C-alpha atoms as a PDB file:
ATOM      1  CA  SER A   1       0.519  -5.576  -1.006  1.00  0.00           C
ATOM      2  CA  MET A   2      -1.660  -2.516  -0.783  1.00  0.00           C
ATOM      3  CA  LEU A   3      -4.296  -4.660   0.899  1.00  0.00           C
ATOM      4  CA  ASP A   4      -1.772  -5.563   3.615  1.00  0.00           C
ATOM      5  CA  VAL A   5      -1.010  -1.856   4.088  1.00  0.00           C
ATOM      6  CA  ALA A   6      -4.746  -1.146   4.409  1.00  0.00           C
ATOM      7  CA  LYS A   7      -5.055  -3.882   7.052  1.00  0.00           C
ATOM      8  CA  MET A   8      -2.157  -2.392   9.027  1.00  0.00           C
ATOM      9  CA  LEU A   9      -3.749   1.054   8.831  1.00  0.00           C
ATOM     10  CA  ARG A  10      -7.102  -0.266  10.069  1.00  0.00           C
ATOM     11  CA  LYS A  11      -5.323  -2.030  12.925  1.00  0.00           C
ATOM     12  CA  SER A  12      -3.347   1.042  14.014  1.00  0.00           C
ATOM     13  CA  LEU A  13      -5.890   3.789  13.252  1.00  0.00           C
ATOM     14  CA  GLY A  14      -9.130   1.984  14.017  1.00  0.00           C
ATOM     15  CA  PRO A  15     -12.215   3.874  12.799  1.00  0.00           C
ATOM     16  CA  ARG A  16     -10.080   6.638  11.297  1.00  0.00           C
ATOM     17  CA  ALA A  17      -9.053   4.153   8.582  1.00  0.00           C
ATOM     18  CA  SER A  18     -12.594   3.081   7.798  1.00  0.00           C
ATOM     19  CA  ARG A  19     -12.152   4.049   4.143  1.00  0.00           C
ATOM     20  CA  ALA A  20      -9.090   1.824   3.686  1.00  0.00           C
ATOM     21  CA  PRO A  21      -9.868  -0.916   1.154  1.00  0.00           C
ATOM     22  CA  ARG A  22     -10.957  -4.311   2.452  1.00  0.00           C
ATOM     23  CA  TRP A  23     -10.606  -6.247  -0.799  1.00  0.00           C
ATOM     24  CA  GLU A  24      -8.758  -6.220  -4.098  1.00  0.00           C
ATOM     25  CA  LEU A  25     -10.190  -6.508  -7.567  1.00  0.00           C
ATOM     26  CA  PRO A  26      -9.392  -9.891  -9.098  1.00  0.00           C
ATOM     27  CA  ASP A  27      -7.021  -9.802 -12.070  1.00  0.00           C
ATOM     28  CA  TRP A  28      -9.798 -10.782 -14.471  1.00  0.00           C
ATOM     29  CA  ALA A  29     -11.872  -7.739 -13.415  1.00  0.00           C
ATOM     30  CA  VAL A  30      -8.900  -5.430 -13.958  1.00  0.00           C
ATOM     31  CA  ARG A  31      -8.410  -6.911 -17.434  1.00  0.00           C
ATOM     32  CA  VAL A  32     -12.060  -6.257 -18.286  1.00  0.00           C
ATOM     33  CA  ALA A  33     -11.875  -2.676 -16.958  1.00  0.00           C
ATOM     34  CA  ALA A  34      -8.670  -2.118 -18.969  1.00  0.00           C
ATOM     35  CA  LYS A  35     -10.647  -2.554 -22.178  1.00  0.00           C
ATOM     36  CA  PHE A  36     -12.532   0.645 -21.327  1.00  0.00           C
ATOM     37  CA  SER A  37      -9.980   2.701 -19.388  1.00  0.00           C
ATOM     38  CA  PRO A  38      -6.495   3.706 -20.573  1.00  0.00           C
ATOM     39  CA  LYS A  39      -5.519   4.432 -16.947  1.00  0.00           C
ATOM     40  CA  VAL A  40      -6.421   0.896 -15.864  1.00  0.00           C
ATOM     41  CA  ARG A  41      -4.676  -0.475 -18.963  1.00  0.00           C
ATOM     42  CA  GLU A  42      -1.401   0.999 -17.646  1.00  0.00           C
ATOM     43  CA  SER A  43      -1.554  -1.393 -14.675  1.00  0.00           C
ATOM     44  CA  LEU A  44      -1.772  -4.576 -16.781  1.00  0.00           C
ATOM     45  CA  PRO A  45       1.991  -5.311 -16.927  1.00  0.00           C
ATOM     46  CA  GLY A  46       2.086  -5.455 -13.123  1.00  0.00           C
ATOM     47  CA  LEU A  47      -0.789  -7.896 -12.658  1.00  0.00           C
ATOM     48  CA  GLY A  48       0.277 -11.055 -10.882  1.00  0.00           C
ATOM     49  CA  VAL A  49       3.824  -9.772 -10.326  1.00  0.00           C
ATOM     50  CA  LYS A  50       5.046 -10.163  -6.751  1.00  0.00           C
ATOM     51  CA  ARG A  51       7.513  -7.456  -5.828  1.00  0.00           C
ATOM     52  CA  ARG A  52       9.836  -7.732  -2.895  1.00  0.00           C
ATOM     53  CA  PRO A  53      12.024  -4.645  -2.553  1.00  0.00           C
ATOM     54  CA  LEU A  54      15.534  -5.413  -1.435  1.00  0.00           C
ATOM     55  CA  ASN A  55      17.397  -3.287   1.066  1.00  0.00           C
ATOM     56  CA  GLU A  56      20.523  -5.369   1.667  1.00  0.00           C
ATOM     57  CA  LYS A  57      22.755  -2.974  -0.273  1.00  0.00           C
ATOM     58  CA  ALA A  58      21.578   0.056   1.743  1.00  0.00           C
ATOM     59  CA  ILE A  59      22.043  -1.877   4.982  1.00  0.00           C
ATOM     60  CA  ARG A  60      25.509  -3.033   3.981  1.00  0.00           C
ATOM     61  CA  GLU A  61      26.911   0.107   2.381  1.00  0.00           C
ATOM     62  CA  LEU A  62      25.183   2.800   4.410  1.00  0.00           C
ATOM     63  CA  ASP A  63      24.914   0.975   7.734  1.00  0.00           C
ATOM     64  CA  TRP A  64      21.206   1.716   7.491  1.00  0.00           C
ATOM     65  CA  LYS A  65      18.823   0.209  10.015  1.00  0.00           C
ATOM     66  CA  PRO A  66      15.306  -0.015   8.582  1.00  0.00           C
ATOM     67  CA  ARG A  67      12.301   0.441  10.827  1.00  0.00           C
ATOM     68  CA  PRO A  68       9.616  -2.248  10.937  1.00  0.00           C
ATOM     69  CA  ALA A  69       7.038  -1.802   8.160  1.00  0.00           C
ATOM     70  CA  GLU A  70       4.127  -1.910  10.611  1.00  0.00           C
ATOM     71  CA  GLU A  71       5.605   0.938  12.668  1.00  0.00           C
ATOM     72  CA  THR A  72       6.349   3.052   9.599  1.00  0.00           C
ATOM     73  CA  ILE A  73       2.876   2.528   8.115  1.00  0.00           C
ATOM     74  CA  ALA A  74       1.155   3.325  11.436  1.00  0.00           C
ATOM     75  CA  GLU A  75       3.148   6.545  11.901  1.00  0.00           C
ATOM     76  CA  THR A  76       2.521   7.589   8.295  1.00  0.00           C
ATOM     77  CA  GLY A  77      -1.206   6.999   8.819  1.00  0.00           C
ATOM     78  CA  GLU A  78      -1.159   9.116  11.981  1.00  0.00           C
ATOM     79  CA  ARG A  79       0.590  11.905  10.098  1.00  0.00           C
ATOM     80  CA  LEU A  80      -1.937  11.747   7.253  1.00  0.00           C
ATOM     81  CA  VAL A  81      -4.747  12.043   9.811  1.00  0.00           C
ATOM     82  CA  GLY A  82      -2.989  15.047  11.341  1.00  0.00           C
ATOM     83  CA  LEU A  83      -2.722  16.692   7.926  1.00  0.00           C
ATOM     84  CA  GLY A  84      -6.414  16.085   7.245  1.00  0.00           C
ATOM     85  CA  PHE A  85      -5.967  13.536   4.460  1.00  0.00           C
ATOM     86  CA  LEU A  86      -7.651  10.739   6.402  1.00  0.00           C
ATOM     87  CA  GLY A  87     -10.649  10.729   8.726  1.00  0.00           C
ATOM     88  CA  SER A  88     -10.102  12.321  12.136  1.00  0.00           C
END
């Protein structure tokens, strides 16, 4: 989830990730907001849906070796800091 990504960023970047979210809006709050915002309304079909991307085909057919998510997220966060998109 995006909250898990935010937790990983706070763990790897420390204070530089201070603006990473610490909580998620409950589904009911999103549904209420959707009544007033077309942009929020677009997210309604995905509420409550757990997505688990599969990479078995890429591993099998391309001999791909994925990197651990934590490592990838930490390095992406470091790069975003270097580019000035996150706190320094």
